[in-house]
PDB file of N, CA and C in Angstrom:
ATOM      1  N   UNK A   1       0.841  -1.192   0.000  1.00  0.00           N
ATOM      2  CA  UNK A   1       0.000   0.000   0.000  1.00  0.00           C
ATOM      3  C   UNK A   1       0.873   1.238   0.000  1.00  0.00           C
ATOM      4  N   UNK A   2       0.492   2.210  -0.784  1.00  0.00           N
ATOM      5  CA  UNK A   2       1.217   3.478  -0.800  1.00  0.00           C
ATOM      6  C   UNK A   2       0.993   4.221   0.504  1.00  0.00           C
ATOM      7  N   UNK A   3       1.957   5.015   0.896  1.00  0.00           N
ATOM      8  CA  UNK A   3       1.799   5.833   2.090  1.00  0.00           C
ATOM      9  C   UNK A   3       1.020   7.082   1.746  1.00  0.00           C
ATOM     10  N   UNK A   4       0.533   7.779   2.781  1.00  0.00           N
ATOM     11  CA  UNK A   4      -0.237   8.996   2.538  1.00  0.00           C
ATOM     12  C   UNK A   4       0.591  10.047   1.821  1.00  0.00           C
ATOM     13  N   UNK A   5       1.924   9.980   1.932  1.00  0.00           N
ATOM     14  CA  UNK A   5       2.794  10.957   1.270  1.00  0.00           C
ATOM     15  C   UNK A   5       2.674  10.874  -0.248  1.00  0.00           C
ATOM     16  N   UNK A   6       2.284   9.733  -0.788  1.00  0.00           N
ATOM     17  CA  UNK A   6       2.174   9.581  -2.230  1.00  0.00           C
ATOM     18  C   UNK A   6       0.776   9.909  -2.750  1.00  0.00           C
ATOM     19  N   UNK A   7      -0.116  10.319  -1.870  1.00  0.00           N
ATOM     20  CA  UNK A   7      -1.469  10.682  -2.262  1.00  0.00           C
ATOM     21  C   UNK A   7      -1.626  12.199  -2.273  1.00  0.00           C
ATOM     22  N   UNK A   8      -2.521  12.688  -3.124  1.00  0.00           N
ATOM     23  CA  UNK A   8      -2.806  14.111  -3.181  1.00  0.00           C
ATOM     24  C   UNK A   8      -3.455  14.574  -1.887  1.00  0.00           C
ATOM     25  N   UNK A   9      -4.344  13.733  -1.329  1.00  0.00           N
ATOM     26  CA  UNK A   9      -5.071  14.097  -0.111  1.00  0.00           C
ATOM     27  C   UNK A   9      -5.344  12.851   0.719  1.00  0.00           C
ATOM     28  N   UNK A  10      -5.560  13.075   2.008  1.00  0.00           N
ATOM     29  CA  UNK A  10      -5.906  12.003   2.933  1.00  0.00           C
ATOM     30  C   UNK A  10      -7.191  12.394   3.652  1.00  0.00           C
ATOM     31  N   UNK A  11      -8.104  11.434   3.788  1.00  0.00           N
ATOM     32  CA  UNK A  11      -9.368  11.654   4.479  1.00  0.00           C
ATOM     33  C   UNK A  11      -9.476  10.649   5.621  1.00  0.00           C
ATOM     34  N   UNK A  12      -9.554  11.138   6.835  1.00  0.00           N
ATOM     35  CA  UNK A  12      -9.646  10.283   8.021  1.00  0.00           C
ATOM     36  C   UNK A  12     -11.112  10.162   8.434  1.00  0.00           C
ATOM     37  N   UNK A  13     -11.680   8.969   8.249  1.00  0.00           N
ATOM     38  CA  UNK A  13     -13.071   8.729   8.645  1.00  0.00           C
ATOM     39  C   UNK A  13     -13.156   7.705   9.781  1.00  0.00           C
ATOM     40  N   UNK A  14     -12.050   7.520  10.493  1.00  0.00           N
ATOM     41  CA  UNK A  14     -12.037   6.553  11.593  1.00  0.00           C
ATOM     42  C   UNK A  14     -13.105   6.897  12.620  1.00  0.00           C
ATOM     43  N   UNK A  15     -13.820   5.860  13.067  1.00  0.00           N
ATOM     44  CA  UNK A  15     -14.865   6.031  14.068  1.00  0.00           C
ATOM     45  C   UNK A  15     -16.230   6.335  13.479  1.00  0.00           C
ATOM     46  N   UNK A  16     -16.290   6.648  12.191  1.00  0.00           N
ATOM     47  CA  UNK A  16     -17.578   6.936  11.553  1.00  0.00           C
ATOM     48  C   UNK A  16     -18.174   5.654  10.974  1.00  0.00           C
ATOM     49  N   UNK A  17     -19.494   5.558  11.054  1.00  0.00           N
ATOM     50  CA  UNK A  17     -20.197   4.401  10.519  1.00  0.00           C
ATOM     51  C   UNK A  17     -20.967   4.783   9.264  1.00  0.00           C
ATOM     52  N   UNK A  18     -21.302   3.775   8.469  1.00  0.00           N
ATOM     53  CA  UNK A  18     -22.058   3.951   7.249  1.00  0.00           C
ATOM     54  C   UNK A  18     -23.318   4.774   7.538  1.00  0.00           C
ATOM     55  N   UNK A  19     -23.607   5.740   6.710  1.00  0.00           N
ATOM     56  CA  UNK A  19     -23.019   6.038   5.398  1.00  0.00           C
ATOM     57  C   UNK A  19     -21.971   7.150   5.427  1.00  0.00           C
ATOM     58  N   UNK A  20     -21.563   7.607   6.599  1.00  0.00           N
ATOM     59  CA  UNK A  20     -20.699   8.787   6.691  1.00  0.00           C
ATOM     60  C   UNK A  20     -19.350   8.664   5.971  1.00  0.00           C
ATOM     61  N   UNK A  21     -18.640   7.529   6.033  1.00  0.00           N
ATOM     62  CA  UNK A  21     -17.381   7.464   5.276  1.00  0.00           C
ATOM     63  C   UNK A  21     -17.577   7.677   3.768  1.00  0.00           C
ATOM     64  N   UNK A  22     -18.670   7.147   3.222  1.00  0.00           N
ATOM     65  CA  UNK A  22     -18.945   7.308   1.798  1.00  0.00           C
ATOM     66  C   UNK A  22     -19.308   8.760   1.497  1.00  0.00           C
ATOM     67  N   UNK A  23     -20.128   9.369   2.330  1.00  0.00           N
ATOM     68  CA  UNK A  23     -20.532  10.766   2.123  1.00  0.00           C
ATOM     69  C   UNK A  23     -19.324  11.687   2.199  1.00  0.00           C
ATOM     70  N   UNK A  24     -18.469  11.469   3.194  1.00  0.00           N
ATOM     71  CA  UNK A  24     -17.273  12.307   3.327  1.00  0.00           C
ATOM     72  C   UNK A  24     -16.314  12.082   2.158  1.00  0.00           C
ATOM     73  N   UNK A  25     -16.211  10.839   1.676  1.00  0.00           N
ATOM     74  CA  UNK A  25     -15.387  10.550   0.500  1.00  0.00           C
ATOM     75  C   UNK A  25     -15.929  11.288  -0.716  1.00  0.00           C
ATOM     76  N   UNK A  26     -17.234  11.212  -0.911  1.00  0.00           N
ATOM     77  CA  UNK A  26     -17.882  11.911  -2.031  1.00  0.00           C
ATOM     78  C   UNK A  26     -17.608  13.410  -1.969  1.00  0.00           C
ATOM     79  N   UNK A  27     -17.780  14.008  -0.802  1.00  0.00           N
ATOM     80  CA  UNK A  27     -17.574  15.449  -0.644  1.00  0.00           C
ATOM     81  C   UNK A  27     -16.124  15.844  -0.903  1.00  0.00           C
ATOM     82  N   UNK A  28     -15.178  15.025  -0.442  1.00  0.00           N
ATOM     83  CA  UNK A  28     -13.764  15.321  -0.658  1.00  0.00           C
ATOM     84  C   UNK A  28     -13.408  15.215  -2.132  1.00  0.00           C
ATOM     85  N   UNK A  29     -13.880  14.165  -2.802  1.00  0.00           N
ATOM     86  CA  UNK A  29     -13.566  13.966  -4.213  1.00  0.00           C
ATOM     87  C   UNK A  29     -14.126  15.101  -5.067  1.00  0.00           C
ATOM     88  N   UNK A  30     -15.247  15.691  -4.670  1.00  0.00           N
ATOM     89  CA  UNK A  30     -15.811  16.830  -5.407  1.00  0.00           C
ATOM     90  C   UNK A  30     -14.836  18.000  -5.474  1.00  0.00           C
ATOM     91  N   UNK A  31     -13.917  18.094  -4.504  1.00  0.00           N
ATOM     92  CA  UNK A  31     -12.962  19.208  -4.457  1.00  0.00           C
ATOM     93  C   UNK A  31     -11.653  18.882  -5.160  1.00  0.00           C
ATOM     94  N   UNK A  32     -11.538  17.676  -5.695  1.00  0.00           N
ATOM     95  CA  UNK A  32     -10.279  17.217  -6.274  1.00  0.00           C
ATOM     96  C   UNK A  32     -10.324  17.230  -7.797  1.00  0.00           C
ATOM     97  N   UNK A  33      -9.143  17.211  -8.402  1.00  0.00           N
ATOM     98  CA  UNK A  33      -8.995  17.249  -9.852  1.00  0.00           C
ATOM     99  C   UNK A  33      -8.779  15.846 -10.423  1.00  0.00           C
ATOM    100  N   UNK A  34      -9.037  15.716 -11.706  1.00  0.00           N
ATOM    101  CA  UNK A  34      -8.815  14.470 -12.425  1.00  0.00           C
ATOM    102  C   UNK A  34      -7.364  14.010 -12.256  1.00  0.00           C
ATOM    103  N   UNK A  35      -7.186  12.745 -11.924  1.00  0.00           N
ATOM    104  CA  UNK A  35      -5.858  12.160 -11.780  1.00  0.00           C
ATOM    105  C   UNK A  35      -5.286  12.237 -10.378  1.00  0.00           C
ATOM    106  N   UNK A  36      -5.881  13.054  -9.518  1.00  0.00           N
ATOM    107  CA  UNK A  36      -5.399  13.120  -8.139  1.00  0.00           C
ATOM    108  C   UNK A  36      -5.808  11.852  -7.398  1.00  0.00           C
ATOM    109  N   UNK A  37      -5.110  11.570  -6.296  1.00  0.00           N
ATOM    110  CA  UNK A  37      -5.414  10.371  -5.526  1.00  0.00           C
ATOM    111  C   UNK A  37      -5.785  10.728  -4.094  1.00  0.00           C
ATOM    112  N   UNK A  38      -6.718   9.961  -3.563  1.00  0.00           N
ATOM    113  CA  UNK A  38      -7.213  10.154  -2.205  1.00  0.00           C
ATOM    114  C   UNK A  38      -6.982   8.887  -1.406  1.00  0.00           C
ATOM    115  N   UNK A  39      -6.425   9.037  -0.218  1.00  0.00           N
ATOM    116  CA  UNK A  39      -6.294   7.931   0.719  1.00  0.00           C
ATOM    117  C   UNK A  39      -7.370   8.095   1.777  1.00  0.00           C
ATOM    118  N   UNK A  40      -8.297   7.143   1.845  1.00  0.00           N
ATOM    119  CA  UNK A  40      -9.347   7.144   2.863  1.00  0.00           C
ATOM    120  C   UNK A  40      -8.920   6.175   3.957  1.00  0.00           C
ATOM    121  N   UNK A  41      -8.944   6.655   5.192  1.00  0.00           N
ATOM    122  CA  UNK A  41      -8.635   5.812   6.350  1.00  0.00           C
ATOM    123  C   UNK A  41      -9.932   5.635   7.120  1.00  0.00           C
ATOM    124  N   UNK A  42     -10.333   4.385   7.344  1.00  0.00           N
ATOM    125  CA  UNK A  42     -11.611   4.101   7.989  1.00  0.00           C
ATOM    126  C   UNK A  42     -11.469   2.939   8.966  1.00  0.00           C
ATOM    127  N   UNK A  43     -12.464   2.796   9.821  1.00  0.00           N
ATOM    128  CA  UNK A  43     -12.509   1.649  10.734  1.00  0.00           C
ATOM    129  C   UNK A  43     -13.771   0.814  10.526  1.00  0.00           C
ATOM    130  N   UNK A  44     -14.752   1.341   9.818  1.00  0.00           N
ATOM    131  CA  UNK A  44     -16.001   0.615   9.554  1.00  0.00           C
ATOM    132  C   UNK A  44     -15.758  -0.413   8.453  1.00  0.00           C
ATOM    133  N   UNK A  45     -15.877  -1.713   8.744  1.00  0.00           N
ATOM    134  CA  UNK A  45     -15.593  -2.729   7.723  1.00  0.00           C
ATOM    135  C   UNK A  45     -16.489  -2.636   6.495  1.00  0.00           C
ATOM    136  N   UNK A  46     -17.631  -1.994   6.623  1.00  0.00           N
ATOM    137  CA  UNK A  46     -18.532  -1.837   5.484  1.00  0.00           C
ATOM    138  C   UNK A  46     -17.934  -1.036   4.344  1.00  0.00           C
ATOM    139  N   UNK A  47     -16.917  -0.207   4.626  1.00  0.00           N
ATOM    140  CA  UNK A  47     -16.319   0.605   3.561  1.00  0.00           C
ATOM    141  C   UNK A  47     -15.635  -0.250   2.508  1.00  0.00           C
ATOM    142  N   UNK A  48     -15.244  -1.466   2.867  1.00  0.00           N
ATOM    143  CA  UNK A  48     -14.563  -2.334   1.899  1.00  0.00           C
ATOM    144  C   UNK A  48     -15.478  -2.700   0.732  1.00  0.00           C
ATOM    145  N   UNK A  49     -16.784  -2.639   0.942  1.00  0.00           N
ATOM    146  CA  UNK A  49     -17.743  -2.851  -0.145  1.00  0.00           C
ATOM    147  C   UNK A  49     -18.354  -1.531  -0.606  1.00  0.00           C
ATOM    148  N   UNK A  50     -18.671  -0.648   0.349  1.00  0.00           N
ATOM    149  CA  UNK A  50     -19.424   0.571   0.033  1.00  0.00           C
ATOM    150  C   UNK A  50     -18.631   1.560  -0.827  1.00  0.00           C
ATOM    151  N   UNK A  51     -17.374   1.815  -0.474  1.00  0.00           N
ATOM    152  CA  UNK A  51     -16.598   2.795  -1.234  1.00  0.00           C
ATOM    153  C   UNK A  51     -16.270   2.290  -2.637  1.00  0.00           C
ATOM    154  N   UNK A  52     -15.848   1.030  -2.826  1.00  0.00           N
ATOM    155  CA  UNK A  52     -15.642   0.562  -4.203  1.00  0.00           C
ATOM    156  C   UNK A  52     -16.922   0.609  -5.046  1.00  0.00           C
ATOM    157  N   UNK A  53     -18.066   0.312  -4.441  1.00  0.00           N
ATOM    158  CA  UNK A  53     -19.333   0.392  -5.178  1.00  0.00           C
ATOM    159  C   UNK A  53     -19.608   1.831  -5.582  1.00  0.00           C
ATOM    160  N   UNK A  54     -19.424   2.773  -4.654  1.00  0.00           N
ATOM    161  CA  UNK A  54     -19.640   4.187  -4.954  1.00  0.00           C
ATOM    162  C   UNK A  54     -18.685   4.633  -6.069  1.00  0.00           C
ATOM    163  N   UNK A  55     -17.426   4.209  -5.988  1.00  0.00           N
ATOM    164  CA  UNK A  55     -16.449   4.577  -7.007  1.00  0.00           C
ATOM    165  C   UNK A  55     -16.842   4.035  -8.378  1.00  0.00           C
ATOM    166  N   UNK A  56     -17.271   2.798  -8.437  1.00  0.00           N
ATOM    167  CA  UNK A  56     -17.670   2.179  -9.701  1.00  0.00           C
ATOM    168  C   UNK A  56     -18.841   2.950 -10.322  1.00  0.00           C
ATOM    169  N   UNK A  57     -19.828   3.307  -9.511  1.00  0.00           N
ATOM    170  CA  UNK A  57     -21.002   4.038  -9.992  1.00  0.00           C
ATOM    171  C   UNK A  57     -20.616   5.425 -10.495  1.00  0.00           C
ATOM    172  N   UNK A  58     -19.634   6.052  -9.842  1.00  0.00           N
ATOM    173  CA  UNK A  58     -19.269   7.434 -10.151  1.00  0.00           C
ATOM    174  C   UNK A  58     -18.026   7.576 -11.028  1.00  0.00           C
ATOM    175  N   UNK A  59     -17.464   6.453 -11.469  1.00  0.00           N
ATOM    176  CA  UNK A  59     -16.385   6.495 -12.444  1.00  0.00           C
ATOM    177  C   UNK A  59     -14.988   6.717 -11.897  1.00  0.00           C
ATOM    178  N   UNK A  60     -14.796   6.518 -10.604  1.00  0.00           N
ATOM    179  CA  UNK A  60     -13.463   6.656 -10.012  1.00  0.00           C
ATOM    180  C   UNK A  60     -12.843   5.259  -9.862  1.00  0.00           C
ATOM    181  N   UNK A  61     -11.526   5.214  -9.732  1.00  0.00           N
ATOM    182  CA  UNK A  61     -10.825   3.930  -9.682  1.00  0.00           C
ATOM    183  C   UNK A  61     -10.262   3.657  -8.286  1.00  0.00           C
ATOM    184  N   UNK A  62     -10.615   2.499  -7.734  1.00  0.00           N
ATOM    185  CA  UNK A  62     -10.008   2.067  -6.478  1.00  0.00           C
ATOM    186  C   UNK A  62      -8.670   1.429  -6.833  1.00  0.00           C
ATOM    187  N   UNK A  63      -7.604   2.039  -6.344  1.00  0.00           N
ATOM    188  CA  UNK A  63      -6.258   1.540  -6.646  1.00  0.00           C
ATOM    189  C   UNK A  63      -5.836   0.420  -5.711  1.00  0.00           C
ATOM    190  N   UNK A  64      -6.276   0.513  -4.440  1.00  0.00           N
ATOM    191  CA  UNK A  64      -5.842  -0.471  -3.455  1.00  0.00           C
ATOM    192  C   UNK A  64      -6.735  -0.410  -2.221  1.00  0.00           C
ATOM    193  N   UNK A  65      -6.935  -1.550  -1.605  1.00  0.00           N
ATOM    194  CA  UNK A  65      -7.586  -1.643  -0.295  1.00  0.00           C
ATOM    195  C   UNK A  65      -6.692  -2.522   0.567  1.00  0.00           C
ATOM    196  N   UNK A  66      -6.321  -2.015   1.730  1.00  0.00           N
ATOM    197  CA  UNK A  66      -5.498  -2.807   2.637  1.00  0.00           C
ATOM    198  C   UNK A  66      -5.911  -2.504   4.072  1.00  0.00           C
ATOM    199  N   UNK A  67      -5.386  -3.301   4.979  1.00  0.00           N
ATOM    200  CA  UNK A  67      -5.673  -3.097   6.396  1.00  0.00           C
ATOM    201  C   UNK A  67      -4.368  -2.998   7.166  1.00  0.00           C
ATOM    202  N   UNK A  68      -4.337  -2.078   8.108  1.00  0.00           N
ATOM    203  CA  UNK A  68      -3.171  -1.887   8.961  1.00  0.00           C
ATOM    204  C   UNK A  68      -3.695  -1.747  10.383  1.00  0.00           C
ATOM    205  N   UNK A  69      -3.501  -2.806  11.161  1.00  0.00           N
ATOM    206  CA  UNK A  69      -4.073  -2.899  12.506  1.00  0.00           C
ATOM    207  C   UNK A  69      -5.589  -2.765  12.401  1.00  0.00           C
ATOM    208  N   UNK A  70      -6.189  -1.763  13.023  1.00  0.00           N
ATOM    209  CA  UNK A  70      -7.646  -1.597  12.983  1.00  0.00           C
ATOM    210  C   UNK A  70      -8.108  -0.704  11.836  1.00  0.00           C
ATOM    211  N   UNK A  71      -7.166  -0.122  11.102  1.00  0.00           N
ATOM    212  CA  UNK A  71      -7.503   0.808  10.030  1.00  0.00           C
ATOM    213  C   UNK A  71      -7.656   0.098   8.693  1.00  0.00           C
ATOM    214  N   UNK A  72      -8.632   0.563   7.926  1.00  0.00           N
ATOM    215  CA  UNK A  72      -8.822   0.133   6.539  1.00  0.00           C
ATOM    216  C   UNK A  72      -8.366   1.292   5.675  1.00  0.00           C
ATOM    217  N   UNK A  73      -7.454   1.017   4.738  1.00  0.00           N
ATOM    218  CA  UNK A  73      -6.877   2.051   3.883  1.00  0.00           C
ATOM    219  C   UNK A  73      -7.350   1.824   2.454  1.00  0.00           C
ATOM    220  N   UNK A  74      -7.993   2.836   1.886  1.00  0.00           N
ATOM    221  CA  UNK A  74      -8.510   2.734   0.521  1.00  0.00           C
ATOM    222  C   UNK A  74      -7.913   3.860  -0.304  1.00  0.00           C
ATOM    223  N   UNK A  75      -7.226   3.493  -1.365  1.00  0.00           N
ATOM    224  CA  UNK A  75      -6.607   4.449  -2.259  1.00  0.00           C
ATOM    225  C   UNK A  75      -7.487   4.591  -3.503  1.00  0.00           C
ATOM    226  N   UNK A  76      -7.873   5.840  -3.808  1.00  0.00           N
ATOM    227  CA  UNK A  76      -8.802   6.113  -4.908  1.00  0.00           C
ATOM    228  C   UNK A  76      -8.163   7.100  -5.876  1.00  0.00           C
ATOM    229  N   UNK A  77      -8.272   6.808  -7.169  1.00  0.00           N
ATOM    230  CA  UNK A  77      -7.850   7.740  -8.222  1.00  0.00           C
ATOM    231  C   UNK A  77      -9.093   8.446  -8.736  1.00  0.00           C
ATOM    232  N   UNK A  78      -9.071   9.777  -8.691  1.00  0.00           N
ATOM    233  CA  UNK A  78     -10.197  10.582  -9.171  1.00  0.00           C
ATOM    234  C   UNK A  78     -10.162  10.591 -10.695  1.00  0.00           C
ATOM    235  N   UNK A  79     -11.290  10.257 -11.292  1.00  0.00           N
ATOM    236  CA  UNK A  79     -11.414  10.272 -12.756  1.00  0.00           C
ATOM    237  C   UNK A  79     -12.655  11.051 -13.128  1.00  0.00           C
ATOM    238  N   UNK A  80     -12.498  12.031 -13.993  1.00  0.00           N
ATOM    239  CA  UNK A  80     -13.611  12.894 -14.410  1.00  0.00           C
ATOM    240  C   UNK A  80     -13.973  12.609 -15.855  1.00  0.00           C
TER     241      UNK A  80
END
C-alpha cells in the first residue's frame, strides 16, 4: 500500500459508521482534480464494499484496499 505521502489528499473517517465514510469521500472527491489520488482511512468494515461500489457508480478507480491494525486504507484515483 502506498503511504499517505504519495497521495494528493488524505481523508480520516475513523470512528464513523455507514453512510458517513462514503458521504465524506464523495464530498472530498468533489474538491479534487482528475488524476489526483485520495487515501481514505476508515474503521467501519462496510467501507470495503461501500466505497468501491460508490467509485464504480461514479467512475473513479479504487487503486488499493489494505488493512493496517484496525484501520482500513482505501486508495482512490479521481477520474472525471
